[in-house]
Amino acid sequence: MEPRVGCGAAIVADGRILLPRRRRPPESGHWGLAGGKTDLFEPAEAAMRREVAEELGIVVGAVEWLCFVDQIDRAAGTHWVAPIYRVLDFTGIPRNCEPDKHDGPQWFALDALPEALTTPTRAALAALRRVG
């Protein structure tokens, strides 16, 4: 099996981050970034915008590249690589458009996050701390 390509969106506003909770592997039960699989020939940023619209029903505006995640789980036989974008603005009201895949979403203060966070979310939070 070869690595798979994903994408993620760190949606941060007013000192809070928006996170849905995963219902499916990998990392089911963990709170994570909106995002998902990048389709063949789909630019990563376009995939992130599509995934956020599909999952949360919002339209992403301005973004900036935040970090890159290399998620390797040898036990599960999976390897995902994913650029993560920081969403600077969006239109619409976030809601759960894929209840079979996620719970939430919920806004969490950056200093009061849940314990169970996905690997990409932890990487994005570390990058957010570095850039301020």
Protein backbone atom coordinates (compact mmCIF):
# COMPACT_ATOMS: atom_id res chain seq x y z
CA MET A 1 0.00 0.00 0.00
CA GLU A 2 1.21 3.52 -0.75
CA PRO A 3 0.79 6.73 1.26
CA ARG A 4 -2.55 8.49 0.89
CA VAL A 5 -2.95 12.25 0.53
CA GLY A 6 -5.28 14.22 2.76
CA CYS A 7 -5.84 17.83 3.73
CA GLY A 8 -6.97 19.70 6.82
CA ALA A 9 -8.37 23.05 7.93
CA ALA A 10 -7.50 24.77 11.19
CA ILE A 11 -10.52 27.05 11.60
CA VAL A 12 -9.60 29.50 14.36
CA ALA A 13 -11.63 32.55 15.42
CA ASP A 14 -11.57 34.64 18.59
CA GLY A 15 -9.08 32.35 20.32
CA ARG A 16 -11.14 29.23 19.62
CA ILE A 17 -10.73 26.34 17.18
CA LEU A 18 -13.60 24.49 15.48
CA LEU A 19 -13.35 20.70 15.77
CA PRO A 20 -15.66 17.85 14.78
CA ARG A 21 -15.24 14.49 16.57
CA ARG A 22 -14.47 11.51 14.34
CA ARG A 23 -16.87 8.56 14.33
CA ARG A 24 -14.64 6.41 12.06
CA PRO A 25 -11.02 5.23 12.02
CA PRO A 26 -8.41 6.44 12.00
CA GLU A 27 -8.61 7.94 15.48
CA SER A 28 -12.34 7.48 15.96
CA GLY A 29 -13.61 9.26 19.06
CA HIS A 30 -10.95 11.95 18.74
CA TRP A 31 -11.58 15.62 18.01
CA GLY A 32 -9.95 16.74 14.78
CA LEU A 33 -9.69 19.22 11.99
CA ALA A 34 -12.19 19.38 9.20
CA GLY A 35 -10.70 17.86 6.09
CA GLY A 36 -10.20 14.56 4.40
CA LYS A 37 -8.98 12.78 1.31
CA THR A 38 -7.52 14.63 -1.66
CA ASP A 39 -8.80 13.20 -4.94
CA LEU A 40 -6.52 12.38 -7.87
CA PHE A 41 -5.51 15.58 -9.73
CA GLU A 42 -7.28 17.76 -7.14
CA PRO A 43 -5.08 20.53 -5.71
CA ALA A 44 -4.75 20.18 -1.93
CA GLU A 45 -6.21 23.62 -1.16
CA ALA A 46 -9.21 22.90 -3.40
CA ALA A 47 -9.69 19.56 -1.60
CA MET A 48 -9.62 21.31 1.77
CA ARG A 49 -12.25 23.82 0.62
CA ARG A 50 -14.45 21.00 -0.74
CA GLU A 51 -14.10 18.88 2.39
CA VAL A 52 -14.94 21.80 4.72
CA ALA A 53 -18.03 22.62 2.64
CA GLU A 54 -19.12 18.96 2.65
CA GLU A 55 -18.51 18.43 6.38
CA LEU A 56 -19.46 21.80 7.87
CA GLY A 57 -21.59 23.58 5.27
CA ILE A 58 -19.41 26.70 5.21
CA VAL A 59 -17.46 28.41 2.44
CA VAL A 60 -13.79 28.98 3.19
CA GLY A 61 -12.42 32.42 2.33
CA ALA A 62 -8.78 33.43 2.81
CA VAL A 63 -6.32 30.78 3.96
CA GLU A 64 -2.64 30.43 4.67
CA TRP A 65 -0.53 27.29 4.71
CA LEU A 66 0.06 26.23 8.31
CA CYS A 67 1.98 22.93 8.42
CA PHE A 68 2.49 19.51 6.89
CA VAL A 69 1.48 16.29 8.66
CA ASP A 70 3.12 12.92 8.05
CA GLN A 71 0.91 10.42 9.89
CA ILE A 72 2.36 6.90 9.94
CA ASP A 73 0.60 4.05 11.75
CA ARG A 74 2.60 0.89 11.08
CA ALA A 75 0.30 -1.26 13.22
CA ALA A 76 -2.73 -0.23 11.16
CA GLY A 77 -0.75 -0.29 7.90
CA THR A 78 -1.62 3.31 7.06
CA HIS A 79 0.39 6.34 6.02
CA TRP A 80 -1.27 9.70 5.37
CA VAL A 81 0.43 12.92 4.30
CA ALA A 82 -1.51 16.17 4.52
CA PRO A 83 -1.00 19.89 4.19
CA ILE A 84 -2.92 21.81 6.84
CA TYR A 85 -4.29 25.27 6.08
CA ARG A 86 -5.23 27.97 8.56
CA VAL A 87 -8.63 29.34 7.62
CA LEU A 88 -8.60 33.11 8.11
CA ASP A 89 -12.27 33.65 7.33
CA PHE A 90 -15.36 31.82 6.18
CA THR A 91 -19.02 32.43 5.41
CA GLY A 92 -21.94 30.49 6.80
CA ILE A 93 -22.72 28.86 10.11
CA PRO A 94 -20.79 25.64 10.82
CA ARG A 95 -23.00 22.60 11.28
CA ASN A 96 -22.61 18.83 11.02
CA CYS A 97 -23.42 17.95 7.42
CA GLU A 98 -22.06 14.38 7.71
CA PRO A 99 -23.48 12.94 10.95
CA ASP A 100 -22.45 9.42 9.92
CA LYS A 101 -18.80 10.58 9.99
CA HIS A 102 -18.67 13.16 12.80
CA ASP A 103 -20.15 14.50 16.03
CA GLY A 104 -20.18 18.24 16.64
CA PRO A 105 -18.62 20.45 15.49
CA GLN A 106 -17.75 22.37 18.62
CA TRP A 107 -15.68 25.47 19.29
CA PHE A 108 -12.92 24.98 21.86
CA ALA A 109 -10.81 27.67 23.49
CA LEU A 110 -7.18 27.15 22.52
CA ASP A 111 -6.33 26.92 26.22
CA ALA A 112 -9.16 24.47 27.04
CA LEU A 113 -8.93 21.67 24.47
CA PRO A 114 -10.29 18.14 24.86
CA GLU A 115 -7.80 15.40 25.74
CA ALA A 116 -8.52 13.18 22.72
CA LEU A 117 -7.14 15.08 19.70
CA THR A 118 -6.15 13.61 16.34
CA THR A 119 -2.52 13.59 15.25
CA PRO A 120 -3.07 16.30 12.57
CA THR A 121 -4.84 18.49 15.13
CA ARG A 122 -1.91 18.23 17.54
CA ALA A 123 0.48 19.19 14.71
CA ALA A 124 -1.71 22.14 13.71
CA LEU A 125 -1.92 23.38 17.31
CA ALA A 126 1.88 23.21 17.64
CA ALA A 127 2.23 25.21 14.40
CA LEU A 128 -0.35 27.77 15.60
CA ARG A 129 1.69 28.27 18.79
CA ARG A 130 4.82 28.90 16.71
CA VAL A 131 3.18 31.49 14.43
CA GLY A 132 1.18 33.12 17.21
